[in-house]
């Protein structure tokens, strides 16, 4: 196992609840190195993170490891077909989270119209 693959295995296993289900595949082609990461569906949210921030950070760290070894390394997180739930509309999201357009009427109230 190469350094980049060992690195991603180590970090991801430390992040997830099911480290025994973490698996990586490494392929090399003319574009560089591609590491495909497989995790348990229950751990997918932890690996992707809020707004994809954890996945983005993993990719950045992996590029640093690759640069140290003079290789261009990319990370692909395997997502099985149909693993995503149905996409929510903006209205559904706002209703669930309580977020939405909030209008500040204090300025209008201060105007004596």
Protein backbone atom coordinates (compact mmCIF):
# COMPACT_ATOMS: atom_id res chain seq x y z
CA UNK A 1 0.00 0.00 0.00
CA UNK A 2 1.40 3.40 -0.95
CA UNK A 3 1.82 6.38 1.40
CA UNK A 4 -1.15 8.32 0.01
CA UNK A 5 -3.48 5.33 0.33
CA UNK A 6 -2.24 4.55 3.86
CA UNK A 7 -2.74 8.18 4.83
CA UNK A 8 -6.36 8.36 3.66
CA UNK A 9 -7.14 4.99 5.28
CA UNK A 10 -5.74 6.18 8.61
CA UNK A 11 -7.56 9.53 8.63
CA UNK A 12 -10.92 8.18 7.44
CA UNK A 13 -10.90 5.27 9.91
CA UNK A 14 -10.38 7.79 12.70
CA UNK A 15 -13.41 9.82 11.55
CA UNK A 16 -16.08 7.13 11.01
CA UNK A 17 -18.18 4.97 13.32
CA UNK A 18 -17.58 1.81 11.25
CA UNK A 19 -13.82 1.73 10.51
CA UNK A 20 -13.99 -1.94 9.56
CA UNK A 21 -16.02 -1.04 6.45
CA UNK A 22 -13.51 1.53 5.13
CA UNK A 23 -11.87 0.39 1.89
CA UNK A 24 -9.73 2.21 -0.66
CA UNK A 25 -8.70 1.42 -4.22
CA UNK A 26 -5.74 3.11 -5.91
CA UNK A 27 -5.48 3.48 -9.68
CA UNK A 28 -2.78 5.25 -11.68
CA UNK A 29 -3.18 6.66 -15.19
CA UNK A 30 -1.84 9.53 -17.29
CA UNK A 31 -3.85 12.02 -15.20
CA UNK A 32 -2.24 10.91 -11.94
CA UNK A 33 -3.38 8.84 -8.98
CA UNK A 34 -7.04 8.30 -8.15
CA UNK A 35 -7.97 6.92 -4.76
CA UNK A 36 -11.56 5.69 -4.52
CA UNK A 37 -12.93 5.62 -0.99
CA UNK A 38 -15.66 3.22 0.09
CA UNK A 39 -17.37 3.72 3.46
CA UNK A 40 -20.49 2.44 5.16
CA UNK A 41 -23.63 4.34 4.09
CA UNK A 42 -24.13 5.37 7.74
CA UNK A 43 -20.72 7.09 7.69
CA UNK A 44 -21.23 8.96 4.42
CA UNK A 45 -22.38 12.14 6.17
CA UNK A 46 -19.32 12.19 8.41
CA UNK A 47 -16.98 11.87 5.45
CA UNK A 48 -18.70 14.49 3.33
CA UNK A 49 -19.33 16.89 6.22
CA UNK A 50 -21.39 20.03 6.34
CA UNK A 51 -21.50 21.57 2.87
CA UNK A 52 -18.80 19.11 1.78
CA UNK A 53 -16.17 20.71 4.00
CA UNK A 54 -14.71 17.45 5.36
CA UNK A 55 -14.43 15.91 1.89
CA UNK A 56 -12.79 19.10 0.61
CA UNK A 57 -10.30 19.02 3.49
CA UNK A 58 -9.48 15.35 2.87
CA UNK A 59 -8.80 16.12 -0.78
CA UNK A 60 -6.54 19.05 0.14
CA UNK A 61 -4.53 16.95 2.59
CA UNK A 62 -4.25 14.15 0.05
CA UNK A 63 -2.91 16.57 -2.57
CA UNK A 64 -0.24 17.70 -0.09
CA UNK A 65 0.80 14.09 0.52
CA UNK A 66 0.87 13.52 -3.24
CA UNK A 67 2.93 16.65 -3.89
CA UNK A 68 5.48 15.44 -1.37
CA UNK A 69 5.84 12.28 -3.45
CA UNK A 70 5.73 14.12 -6.82
CA UNK A 71 2.32 12.73 -7.74
CA UNK A 72 -1.01 14.30 -8.53
CA UNK A 73 -3.52 12.59 -6.24
CA UNK A 74 -7.30 12.90 -6.33
CA UNK A 75 -9.95 11.42 -4.05
CA UNK A 76 -13.26 10.00 -5.22
CA UNK A 77 -15.84 9.12 -2.58
CA UNK A 78 -17.89 6.21 -3.89
CA UNK A 79 -21.60 6.78 -3.58
CA UNK A 80 -23.74 3.76 -4.45
CA UNK A 81 -26.61 4.30 -6.88
CA UNK A 82 -29.72 5.46 -5.07
CA UNK A 83 -27.90 6.18 -1.83
CA UNK A 84 -29.08 9.78 -1.71
CA UNK A 85 -32.49 10.47 -0.38
CA UNK A 86 -34.87 12.64 -2.34
CA UNK A 87 -33.67 16.22 -2.77
CA UNK A 88 -35.60 18.79 -0.74
CA UNK A 89 -36.97 21.95 -2.22
CA UNK A 90 -35.96 25.28 -0.68
CA UNK A 91 -39.43 25.58 0.90
CA UNK A 92 -39.15 22.11 2.50
CA UNK A 93 -35.69 22.93 3.87
CA UNK A 94 -36.88 26.26 5.29
CA UNK A 95 -39.90 24.57 6.89
CA UNK A 96 -37.72 21.88 8.51
CA UNK A 97 -35.02 24.21 9.79
CA UNK A 98 -37.15 27.24 10.60
CA UNK A 99 -35.02 29.28 8.24
CA UNK A 100 -36.52 31.44 5.59
CA UNK A 101 -36.87 34.98 4.53
CA UNK A 102 -37.21 37.17 7.55
CA UNK A 103 -38.17 40.73 6.84
CA UNK A 104 -36.96 43.46 9.15
CA UNK A 105 -39.83 45.92 9.23
CA UNK A 106 -38.39 48.16 11.93
CA UNK A 107 -37.03 50.62 9.36
CA UNK A 108 -40.41 50.84 7.66
CA UNK A 109 -42.13 51.23 11.02
CA UNK A 110 -39.83 54.16 11.86
CA UNK A 111 -40.93 56.00 8.73
CA UNK A 112 -44.00 58.05 9.34
CA UNK A 113 -45.85 57.46 6.13
